[in-house]
Protein backbone atom coordinates (compact mmCIF):
# COMPACT_ATOMS: atom_id res chain seq x y z
CA UNK A 1 4.19 -12.68 14.41
CA UNK A 2 5.48 -14.27 11.22
CA UNK A 3 9.22 -13.85 10.66
CA UNK A 4 10.52 -13.81 7.11
CA UNK A 5 14.10 -14.84 6.53
CA UNK A 6 16.42 -12.22 5.00
CA UNK A 7 17.05 -14.50 2.01
CA UNK A 8 13.33 -14.77 1.23
CA UNK A 9 12.91 -11.04 1.79
CA UNK A 10 15.74 -10.32 -0.67
CA UNK A 11 14.27 -12.69 -3.27
CA UNK A 12 10.83 -11.09 -2.91
CA UNK A 13 12.37 -7.63 -3.22
CA UNK A 14 14.30 -8.65 -6.34
CA UNK A 15 11.29 -10.31 -7.99
CA UNK A 16 9.03 -7.32 -7.36
CA UNK A 17 11.71 -4.89 -8.54
CA UNK A 18 12.46 -6.76 -11.75
CA UNK A 19 8.76 -7.16 -12.57
CA UNK A 20 8.25 -3.45 -11.92
CA UNK A 21 11.05 -2.43 -14.29
CA UNK A 22 9.85 -4.85 -16.98
CA UNK A 23 6.24 -3.64 -16.78
CA UNK A 24 7.32 0.00 -16.87
CA UNK A 25 9.57 -0.76 -19.86
CA UNK A 26 6.63 -2.44 -21.60
CA UNK A 27 4.59 0.69 -20.98
CA UNK A 28 7.23 2.86 -22.60
CA UNK A 29 8.02 0.64 -25.59
CA UNK A 30 4.61 -0.88 -26.42
CA UNK A 31 3.20 2.28 -28.10
CA UNK A 32 6.19 2.32 -30.47
CA UNK A 33 4.88 -0.76 -32.28
CA UNK A 34 2.24 0.86 -34.45
CA UNK A 35 1.45 -2.28 -36.47
CA UNK A 36 0.03 -4.02 -33.37
CA UNK A 37 -3.53 -2.98 -32.65
CA UNK A 38 -3.74 -2.31 -28.93
CA UNK A 39 -5.91 -0.05 -26.88
CA UNK A 40 -4.26 3.04 -25.43
CA UNK A 41 -5.27 1.80 -21.98
CA UNK A 42 -3.21 -1.43 -22.15
CA UNK A 43 0.22 0.26 -21.78
CA UNK A 44 -1.23 2.60 -19.18
CA UNK A 45 -2.59 -0.32 -17.14
CA UNK A 46 0.70 -2.23 -17.42
CA UNK A 47 2.56 0.87 -16.28
CA UNK A 48 0.29 1.36 -13.30
CA UNK A 49 0.74 -2.27 -12.28
CA UNK A 50 4.50 -1.75 -12.66
CA UNK A 51 4.39 1.33 -10.44
CA UNK A 52 2.49 -0.60 -7.77
CA UNK A 53 5.06 -3.41 -8.02
CA UNK A 54 7.82 -0.79 -7.65
CA UNK A 55 6.28 0.57 -4.46
CA UNK A 56 5.89 -3.00 -3.17
CA UNK A 57 9.56 -3.65 -3.99
CA UNK A 58 10.51 -0.52 -2.06
CA UNK A 59 8.50 -1.65 0.94
CA UNK A 60 9.82 -5.22 0.79
CA UNK A 61 13.40 -3.93 0.71
CA UNK A 62 12.96 -2.20 4.05
CA UNK A 63 15.04 -3.79 6.79
CA UNK A 64 17.58 -5.38 4.48
CA UNK A 65 20.10 -2.66 5.35
CA UNK A 66 20.82 -4.09 8.78
CA UNK A 67 22.58 -7.03 7.12
CA UNK A 68 25.04 -4.78 5.26
CA UNK A 69 28.45 -3.33 5.95
CA UNK A 70 28.87 0.44 5.98
CA UNK A 71 30.17 0.53 2.40
CA UNK A 72 27.34 -1.61 1.10
CA UNK A 73 24.75 0.43 2.98
CA UNK A 74 25.96 3.54 1.12
CA UNK A 75 25.54 1.67 -2.16
CA UNK A 76 22.05 0.62 -1.02
CA UNK A 77 21.15 4.26 -0.30
CA UNK A 78 22.23 5.34 -3.78
CA UNK A 79 20.33 2.37 -5.27
CA UNK A 80 17.20 3.43 -3.38
CA UNK A 81 17.50 7.07 -4.46
CA UNK A 82 17.97 6.12 -8.12
CA UNK A 83 15.08 3.66 -8.10
CA UNK A 84 12.68 6.05 -6.37
CA UNK A 85 13.60 8.94 -8.66
CA UNK A 86 13.12 6.74 -11.73
CA UNK A 87 9.76 5.60 -10.39
CA UNK A 88 8.79 9.20 -9.65
CA UNK A 89 9.56 10.23 -13.24
CA UNK A 90 7.08 7.59 -14.44
CA UNK A 91 4.14 9.26 -12.66
CA UNK A 92 3.28 11.96 -15.26
CA UNK A 93 2.94 9.39 -18.03
CA UNK A 94 0.79 7.15 -15.82
CA UNK A 95 -1.70 9.86 -14.92
CA UNK A 96 -3.12 10.63 -18.36
CA UNK A 97 -3.79 8.19 -21.21
CA UNK A 98 -3.37 10.86 -23.90
CA UNK A 99 0.02 10.61 -25.64
CA UNK A 100 2.27 13.57 -24.94
CA UNK A 101 5.88 14.04 -26.03
CA UNK A 102 7.00 15.59 -22.73
CA UNK A 103 5.46 12.76 -20.69
CA UNK A 104 6.98 10.11 -22.93
CA UNK A 105 10.45 11.69 -22.75
CA UNK A 106 10.13 11.97 -18.97
CA UNK A 107 9.12 8.30 -18.77
CA UNK A 108 12.08 7.33 -20.96
CA UNK A 109 14.53 9.23 -18.75
CA UNK A 110 12.90 7.63 -15.70
CA UNK A 111 13.30 4.20 -17.26
CA UNK A 112 16.99 4.92 -17.91
CA UNK A 113 17.45 5.95 -14.27
CA UNK A 114 15.61 2.79 -13.16
CA UNK A 115 18.00 0.69 -15.25
CA UNK A 116 21.05 2.42 -13.78
CA UNK A 117 19.63 1.98 -10.28
CA UNK A 118 18.96 -1.70 -10.89
CA UNK A 119 22.50 -2.32 -12.16
CA UNK A 120 23.88 -0.30 -9.25
CA UNK A 121 21.77 -2.34 -6.83
CA UNK A 122 23.43 -5.52 -8.03
CA UNK A 123 26.60 -4.31 -6.28
CA UNK A 124 24.95 -4.63 -2.88
CA UNK A 125 24.67 -8.42 -2.73
CA UNK A 126 26.85 -10.63 -4.87
CA UNK A 127 24.71 -13.00 -6.88
CA UNK A 128 26.12 -15.80 -8.98
CA UNK A 129 23.03 -16.61 -11.06
CA UNK A 130 23.62 -13.92 -13.68
CA UNK A 131 26.55 -11.58 -14.14
CA UNK A 132 27.05 -8.77 -16.56
CA UNK A 133 30.24 -8.91 -18.67
CA UNK A 134 31.78 -5.96 -16.81
CA UNK A 135 31.23 -7.47 -13.34
CA UNK A 136 34.24 -9.07 -11.72
CA UNK A 137 34.30 -12.80 -11.29
């Protein structure tokens, strides 16, 4: 059986998660640009691909918890709950291509929760590649 190193597993999880959030954000914000002629199915397709990437990120993150301390595993649980709830709030807007205010607001709230979950997930493993201004050095 092929063994994947934890570092590669974490990088795969991060890449899938970031691409999922970016595709779902594109789905939410692309219809706002009315001067660009796009089909109504383009944002829907991007959103569906983003949802699949989000599920793949969830599955690729499985097993990373055994490398954490107890405090970090609690942070990882909250990160997982936030990300899954944000992904779940995207589902109504991905099911029907017709624009609807309720579905768009739900998708926007879900995107906000995804962003909070992503920022919260950065507290699990300390990365030095990119830091937000409020993160400690």
